[in-house]
Amino acid sequence: MTACRSQRRDCVDPQGRLLPDSTCSAGTYGSHYIYGGSSGGHVGDTVIGGSVSRGGFGGTGGGHGGAGGE
């Protein structure tokens, strides 16, 4: 299946600022993953766009998005 590609994801705080992935793994500070957004790639940068849902169709997200880490 070629339709399944890995999507970038970033760990962000409730304000959409980039956090280390370990923060989401630990579930601390209200952290969550955002898929498909963009940022400068540095902890503390605001993530723009993206979705809290991994689904490619009909996924919705807030005003913040994550440009997933590598």
PDB file of N, CA and C in Angstrom:
ATOM      1  N   MET A   1       0.838  -1.172   0.000  1.00  0.00           N
ATOM      2  CA  MET A   1       0.000   0.000   0.000  1.00  0.00           C
ATOM      3  C   MET A   1       0.890   1.245   0.000  1.00  0.00           C
ATOM      4  N   THR A   2       0.750   2.066  -0.975  1.00  0.00           N
ATOM      5  CA  THR A   2       1.564   3.272  -1.045  1.00  0.00           C
ATOM      6  C   THR A   2       0.896   4.463  -0.367  1.00  0.00           C
ATOM      7  N   ALA A   3      -0.387   4.345  -0.039  1.00  0.00           N
ATOM      8  CA  ALA A   3      -1.103   5.461   0.574  1.00  0.00           C
ATOM      9  C   ALA A   3      -0.678   5.696   2.028  1.00  0.00           C
ATOM     10  N   CYS A   4      -0.097   4.707   2.648  1.00  0.00           N
ATOM     11  CA  CYS A   4       0.310   4.835   4.051  1.00  0.00           C
ATOM     12  C   CYS A   4       1.741   5.331   4.137  1.00  0.00           C
ATOM     13  N   ARG A   5       1.875   6.599   4.415  1.00  0.00           N
ATOM     14  CA  ARG A   5       3.200   7.184   4.611  1.00  0.00           C
ATOM     15  C   ARG A   5       3.268   7.713   6.027  1.00  0.00           C
ATOM     16  N   SER A   6       4.452   7.710   6.587  1.00  0.00           N
ATOM     17  CA  SER A   6       4.564   8.262   7.929  1.00  0.00           C
ATOM     18  C   SER A   6       4.412   9.776   7.844  1.00  0.00           C
ATOM     19  N   GLN A   7       3.721  10.305   8.808  1.00  0.00           N
ATOM     20  CA  GLN A   7       3.434  11.723   8.838  1.00  0.00           C
ATOM     21  C   GLN A   7       4.263  12.359   9.945  1.00  0.00           C
ATOM     22  N   ARG A   8       4.744  13.537   9.715  1.00  0.00           N
ATOM     23  CA  ARG A   8       5.510  14.241  10.746  1.00  0.00           C
ATOM     24  C   ARG A   8       4.623  14.485  11.949  1.00  0.00           C
ATOM     25  N   ARG A   9       5.205  14.387  13.119  1.00  0.00           N
ATOM     26  CA  ARG A   9       4.459  14.705  14.340  1.00  0.00           C
ATOM     27  C   ARG A   9       5.382  15.424  15.298  1.00  0.00           C
ATOM     28  N   ASP A  10       4.796  16.311  16.067  1.00  0.00           N
ATOM     29  CA  ASP A  10       5.534  17.035  17.094  1.00  0.00           C
ATOM     30  C   ASP A  10       4.778  16.949  18.404  1.00  0.00           C
ATOM     31  N   CYS A  11       5.530  16.930  19.461  1.00  0.00           N
ATOM     32  CA  CYS A  11       4.980  17.006  20.805  1.00  0.00           C
ATOM     33  C   CYS A  11       4.861  18.488  21.152  1.00  0.00           C
ATOM     34  N   VAL A  12       3.661  18.916  21.577  1.00  0.00           N
ATOM     35  CA  VAL A  12       3.439  20.327  21.898  1.00  0.00           C
ATOM     36  C   VAL A  12       2.743  20.464  23.249  1.00  0.00           C
ATOM     37  N   ASP A  13       2.860  21.663  23.830  1.00  0.00           N
ATOM     38  CA  ASP A  13       2.140  21.976  25.058  1.00  0.00           C
ATOM     39  C   ASP A  13       0.765  22.526  24.672  1.00  0.00           C
ATOM     40  N   PRO A  14      -0.104  22.830  25.643  1.00  0.00           N
ATOM     41  CA  PRO A  14      -1.441  23.335  25.322  1.00  0.00           C
ATOM     42  C   PRO A  14      -1.446  24.625  24.499  1.00  0.00           C
ATOM     43  N   GLN A  15      -0.359  25.404  24.539  1.00  0.00           N
ATOM     44  CA  GLN A  15      -0.273  26.631  23.754  1.00  0.00           C
ATOM     45  C   GLN A  15       0.339  26.398  22.374  1.00  0.00           C
ATOM     46  N   GLY A  16       0.653  25.154  22.033  1.00  0.00           N
ATOM     47  CA  GLY A  16       1.194  24.839  20.710  1.00  0.00           C
ATOM     48  C   GLY A  16       2.690  25.042  20.577  1.00  0.00           C
ATOM     49  N   ARG A  17       3.403  25.121  21.697  1.00  0.00           N
ATOM     50  CA  ARG A  17       4.865  25.271  21.642  1.00  0.00           C
ATOM     51  C   ARG A  17       5.518  23.903  21.627  1.00  0.00           C
ATOM     52  N   LEU A  18       6.540  23.767  20.814  1.00  0.00           N
ATOM     53  CA  LEU A  18       7.256  22.513  20.630  1.00  0.00           C
ATOM     54  C   LEU A  18       7.945  22.066  21.915  1.00  0.00           C
ATOM     55  N   LEU A  19       7.767  20.769  22.236  1.00  0.00           N
ATOM     56  CA  LEU A  19       8.385  20.152  23.404  1.00  0.00           C
ATOM     57  C   LEU A  19       9.190  18.944  22.955  1.00  0.00           C
ATOM     58  N   PRO A  20      10.110  18.457  23.789  1.00  0.00           N
ATOM     59  CA  PRO A  20      10.803  17.210  23.459  1.00  0.00           C
ATOM     60  C   PRO A  20       9.802  16.055  23.416  1.00  0.00           C
ATOM     61  N   ASP A  21      10.015  15.085  22.524  1.00  0.00           N
ATOM     62  CA  ASP A  21       9.113  13.934  22.424  1.00  0.00           C
ATOM     63  C   ASP A  21       8.964  13.204  23.754  1.00  0.00           C
ATOM     64  N   SER A  22      10.006  13.207  24.565  1.00  0.00           N
ATOM     65  CA  SER A  22       9.950  12.518  25.852  1.00  0.00           C
ATOM     66  C   SER A  22       8.850  13.086  26.749  1.00  0.00           C
ATOM     67  N   THR A  23       8.484  14.355  26.558  1.00  0.00           N
ATOM     68  CA  THR A  23       7.425  14.969  27.355  1.00  0.00           C
ATOM     69  C   THR A  23       6.082  14.330  27.033  1.00  0.00           C
ATOM     70  N   CYS A  24       5.807  14.085  25.747  1.00  0.00           N
ATOM     71  CA  CYS A  24       4.556  13.423  25.369  1.00  0.00           C
ATOM     72  C   CYS A  24       4.560  11.964  25.816  1.00  0.00           C
ATOM     73  N   SER A  25       5.697  11.319  25.716  1.00  0.00           N
ATOM     74  CA  SER A  25       5.801   9.925  26.154  1.00  0.00           C
ATOM     75  C   SER A  25       5.482   9.798  27.635  1.00  0.00           C
ATOM     76  N   ALA A  26       5.888  10.785  28.417  1.00  0.00           N
ATOM     77  CA  ALA A  26       5.633  10.781  29.854  1.00  0.00           C
ATOM     78  C   ALA A  26       4.235  11.295  30.190  1.00  0.00           C
ATOM     79  N   GLY A  27       3.589  11.977  29.216  1.00  0.00           N
ATOM     80  CA  GLY A  27       2.245  12.505  29.431  1.00  0.00           C
ATOM     81  C   GLY A  27       2.196  13.664  30.410  1.00  0.00           C
ATOM     82  N   THR A  28       3.218  14.489  30.407  1.00  0.00           N
ATOM     83  CA  THR A  28       3.278  15.590  31.363  1.00  0.00           C
ATOM     84  C   THR A  28       2.987  16.938  30.716  1.00  0.00           C
ATOM     85  N   TYR A  29       2.667  17.919  31.547  1.00  0.00           N
ATOM     86  CA  TYR A  29       2.458  19.320  31.139  1.00  0.00           C
ATOM     87  C   TYR A  29       1.327  19.506  30.132  1.00  0.00           C
ATOM     88  N   GLY A  30       0.353  18.605  30.094  1.00  0.00           N
ATOM     89  CA  GLY A  30      -0.741  18.735  29.135  1.00  0.00           C
ATOM     90  C   GLY A  30      -0.280  18.542  27.703  1.00  0.00           C
ATOM     91  N   SER A  31       0.827  17.845  27.537  1.00  0.00           N
ATOM     92  CA  SER A  31       1.417  17.659  26.209  1.00  0.00           C
ATOM     93  C   SER A  31       0.602  16.695  25.360  1.00  0.00           C
ATOM     94  N   HIS A  32       0.707  16.875  24.041  1.00  0.00           N
ATOM     95  CA  HIS A  32       0.042  15.994  23.094  1.00  0.00           C
ATOM     96  C   HIS A  32       0.753  16.105  21.744  1.00  0.00           C
ATOM     97  N   TYR A  33       0.472  15.158  20.871  1.00  0.00           N
ATOM     98  CA  TYR A  33       1.086  15.173  19.545  1.00  0.00           C
ATOM     99  C   TYR A  33       0.199  15.899  18.543  1.00  0.00           C
ATOM    100  N   ILE A  34       0.843  16.611  17.632  1.00  0.00           N
ATOM    101  CA  ILE A  34       0.194  17.266  16.500  1.00  0.00           C
ATOM    102  C   ILE A  34       0.838  16.674  15.252  1.00  0.00           C
ATOM    103  N   TYR A  35       0.026  16.355  14.261  1.00  0.00           N
ATOM    104  CA  TYR A  35       0.498  15.710  13.034  1.00  0.00           C
ATOM    105  C   TYR A  35       0.386  16.654  11.837  1.00  0.00           C
ATOM    106  N   GLY A  36       1.475  16.755  11.073  1.00  0.00           N
ATOM    107  CA  GLY A  36       1.451  17.457   9.795  1.00  0.00           C
ATOM    108  C   GLY A  36       1.604  18.961   9.829  1.00  0.00           C
ATOM    109  N   GLY A  37       1.973  19.551  10.930  1.00  0.00           N
ATOM    110  CA  GLY A  37       2.146  20.995  10.989  1.00  0.00           C
ATOM    111  C   GLY A  37       3.573  21.395  10.646  1.00  0.00           C
ATOM    112  N   SER A  38       3.923  22.628  10.962  1.00  0.00           N
ATOM    113  CA  SER A  38       5.283  23.088  10.695  1.00  0.00           C
ATOM    114  C   SER A  38       5.748  24.011  11.807  1.00  0.00           C
ATOM    115  N   SER A  39       7.061  24.019  12.005  1.00  0.00           N
ATOM    116  CA  SER A  39       7.672  24.891  13.011  1.00  0.00           C
ATOM    117  C   SER A  39       9.126  25.098  12.636  1.00  0.00           C
ATOM    118  N   GLY A  40       9.818  25.868  13.447  1.00  0.00           N
ATOM    119  CA  GLY A  40      11.240  26.069  13.229  1.00  0.00           C
ATOM    120  C   GLY A  40      12.068  24.856  13.635  1.00  0.00           C
ATOM    121  N   GLY A  41      11.444  23.924  14.348  1.00  0.00           N
ATOM    122  CA  GLY A  41      12.114  22.693  14.722  1.00  0.00           C
ATOM    123  C   GLY A  41      12.872  22.742  16.039  1.00  0.00           C
ATOM    124  N   HIS A  42      12.757  23.849  16.766  1.00  0.00           N
ATOM    125  CA  HIS A  42      13.467  23.984  18.034  1.00  0.00           C
ATOM    126  C   HIS A  42      12.468  24.012  19.183  1.00  0.00           C
ATOM    127  N   VAL A  43      12.833  23.384  20.302  1.00  0.00           N
ATOM    128  CA  VAL A  43      11.977  23.392  21.482  1.00  0.00           C
ATOM    129  C   VAL A  43      11.606  24.839  21.811  1.00  0.00           C
ATOM    130  N   GLY A  44      10.314  25.068  22.041  1.00  0.00           N
ATOM    131  CA  GLY A  44       9.807  26.406  22.342  1.00  0.00           C
ATOM    132  C   GLY A  44       9.198  27.110  21.149  1.00  0.00           C
ATOM    133  N   ASP A  45       9.521  26.658  19.915  1.00  0.00           N
ATOM    134  CA  ASP A  45       8.914  27.248  18.720  1.00  0.00           C
ATOM    135  C   ASP A  45       7.426  26.932  18.688  1.00  0.00           C
ATOM    136  N   THR A  46       6.624  27.835  18.153  1.00  0.00           N
ATOM    137  CA  THR A  46       5.203  27.591  17.975  1.00  0.00           C
ATOM    138  C   THR A  46       4.994  26.757  16.724  1.00  0.00           C
ATOM    139  N   VAL A  47       4.156  25.731  16.857  1.00  0.00           N
ATOM    140  CA  VAL A  47       3.834  24.859  15.734  1.00  0.00           C
ATOM    141  C   VAL A  47       2.570  25.383  15.072  1.00  0.00           C
ATOM    142  N   ILE A  48       2.605  25.522  13.750  1.00  0.00           N
ATOM    143  CA  ILE A  48       1.500  26.093  12.979  1.00  0.00           C
ATOM    144  C   ILE A  48       0.861  25.006  12.121  1.00  0.00           C
ATOM    145  N   GLY A  49      -0.465  25.008  12.078  1.00  0.00           N
ATOM    146  CA  GLY A  49      -1.183  24.055  11.239  1.00  0.00           C
ATOM    147  C   GLY A  49      -1.199  22.674  11.853  1.00  0.00           C
ATOM    148  N   GLY A  50      -1.543  21.689  11.060  1.00  0.00           N
ATOM    149  CA  GLY A  50      -1.559  20.316  11.524  1.00  0.00           C
ATOM    150  C   GLY A  50      -2.871  19.926  12.162  1.00  0.00           C
ATOM    151  N   SER A  51      -2.879  18.742  12.729  1.00  0.00           N
ATOM    152  CA  SER A  51      -4.087  18.159  13.265  1.00  0.00           C
ATOM    153  C   SER A  51      -3.751  17.276  14.453  1.00  0.00           C
ATOM    154  N   VAL A  52      -4.650  17.205  15.420  1.00  0.00           N
ATOM    155  CA  VAL A  52      -4.444  16.298  16.538  1.00  0.00           C
ATOM    156  C   VAL A  52      -4.826  14.878  16.157  1.00  0.00           C
ATOM    157  N   SER A  53      -5.469  14.716  15.012  1.00  0.00           N
ATOM    158  CA  SER A  53      -5.883  13.417  14.514  1.00  0.00           C
ATOM    159  C   SER A  53      -4.889  12.906  13.489  1.00  0.00           C
ATOM    160  N   ARG A  54      -4.638  11.596  13.477  1.00  0.00           N
ATOM    161  CA  ARG A  54      -3.732  11.013  12.498  1.00  0.00           C
ATOM    162  C   ARG A  54      -4.438  10.754  11.182  1.00  0.00           C
ATOM    163  N   GLY A  55      -5.760  10.773  11.167  1.00  0.00           N
ATOM    164  CA  GLY A  55      -6.502  10.480   9.949  1.00  0.00           C
ATOM    165  C   GLY A  55      -6.236  11.502   8.862  1.00  0.00           C
ATOM    166  N   GLY A  56      -6.112  11.037   7.634  1.00  0.00           N
ATOM    167  CA  GLY A  56      -5.849  11.939   6.529  1.00  0.00           C
ATOM    168  C   GLY A  56      -7.098  12.617   6.010  1.00  0.00           C
ATOM    169  N   PHE A  57      -8.271  12.058   6.314  1.00  0.00           N
ATOM    170  CA  PHE A  57      -9.520  12.598   5.790  1.00  0.00           C
ATOM    171  C   PHE A  57     -10.406  13.048   6.933  1.00  0.00           C
ATOM    172  N   GLY A  58     -10.806  14.300   6.887  1.00  0.00           N
ATOM    173  CA  GLY A  58     -11.734  14.813   7.880  1.00  0.00           C
ATOM    174  C   GLY A  58     -11.137  15.059   9.248  1.00  0.00           C
ATOM    175  N   GLY A  59      -9.838  14.941   9.386  1.00  0.00           N
ATOM    176  CA  GLY A  59      -9.211  15.210  10.672  1.00  0.00           C
ATOM    177  C   GLY A  59      -9.310  16.687  10.991  1.00  0.00           C
ATOM    178  N   THR A  60      -9.565  16.989  12.245  1.00  0.00           N
ATOM    179  CA  THR A  60      -9.650  18.384  12.631  1.00  0.00           C
ATOM    180  C   THR A  60      -8.601  18.673  13.685  1.00  0.00           C
ATOM    181  N   GLY A  61      -8.232  19.900  13.774  1.00  0.00           N
ATOM    182  CA  GLY A  61      -7.268  20.295  14.792  1.00  0.00           C
ATOM    183  C   GLY A  61      -7.526  21.719  15.203  1.00  0.00           C
ATOM    184  N   GLY A  62      -6.857  22.132  16.231  1.00  0.00           N
ATOM    185  CA  GLY A  62      -6.999  23.500  16.696  1.00  0.00           C
ATOM    186  C   GLY A  62      -6.159  24.422  15.840  1.00  0.00           C
ATOM    187  N   GLY A  63      -5.829  25.564  16.380  1.00  0.00           N
ATOM    188  CA  GLY A  63      -5.040  26.528  15.646  1.00  0.00           C
ATOM    189  C   GLY A  63      -3.566  26.186  15.632  1.00  0.00           C
ATOM    190  N   HIS A  64      -3.187  25.111  16.276  1.00  0.00           N
ATOM    191  CA  HIS A  64      -1.782  24.759  16.356  1.00  0.00           C
ATOM    192  C   HIS A  64      -1.575  23.417  15.676  1.00  0.00           C
ATOM    193  N   GLY A  65      -0.402  23.219  15.111  1.00  0.00           N
ATOM    194  CA  GLY A  65      -0.108  21.943  14.491  1.00  0.00           C
ATOM    195  C   GLY A  65       1.323  21.590  14.712  1.00  0.00           C
ATOM    196  N   GLY A  66       1.662  20.335  14.500  1.00  0.00           N
ATOM    197  CA  GLY A  66       3.022  19.901  14.728  1.00  0.00           C
ATOM    198  C   GLY A  66       3.692  19.433  13.473  1.00  0.00           C
ATOM    199  N   ALA A  67       4.912  19.758  13.354  1.00  0.00           N
ATOM    200  CA  ALA A  67       5.685  19.347  12.197  1.00  0.00           C
ATOM    201  C   ALA A  67       6.515  18.147  12.575  1.00  0.00           C
ATOM    202  N   GLY A  68       5.974  17.234  13.204  1.00  0.00           N
ATOM    203  CA  GLY A  68       6.586  16.033  13.717  1.00  0.00           C
ATOM    204  C   GLY A  68       8.083  15.943  13.663  1.00  0.00           C
ATOM    205  N   GLY A  69       8.621  15.511  14.756  1.00  0.00           N
ATOM    206  CA  GLY A  69      10.055  15.282  14.798  1.00  0.00           C
ATOM    207  C   GLY A  69      10.436  14.092  13.962  1.00  0.00           C
ATOM    208  N   GLU A  70      11.675  13.837  13.881  1.00  0.00           N
ATOM    209  CA  GLU A  70      12.117  12.767  13.006  1.00  0.00           C
ATOM    210  C   GLU A  70      12.095  11.442  13.648  1.00  0.00           C
TER     211      GLU A  70
END
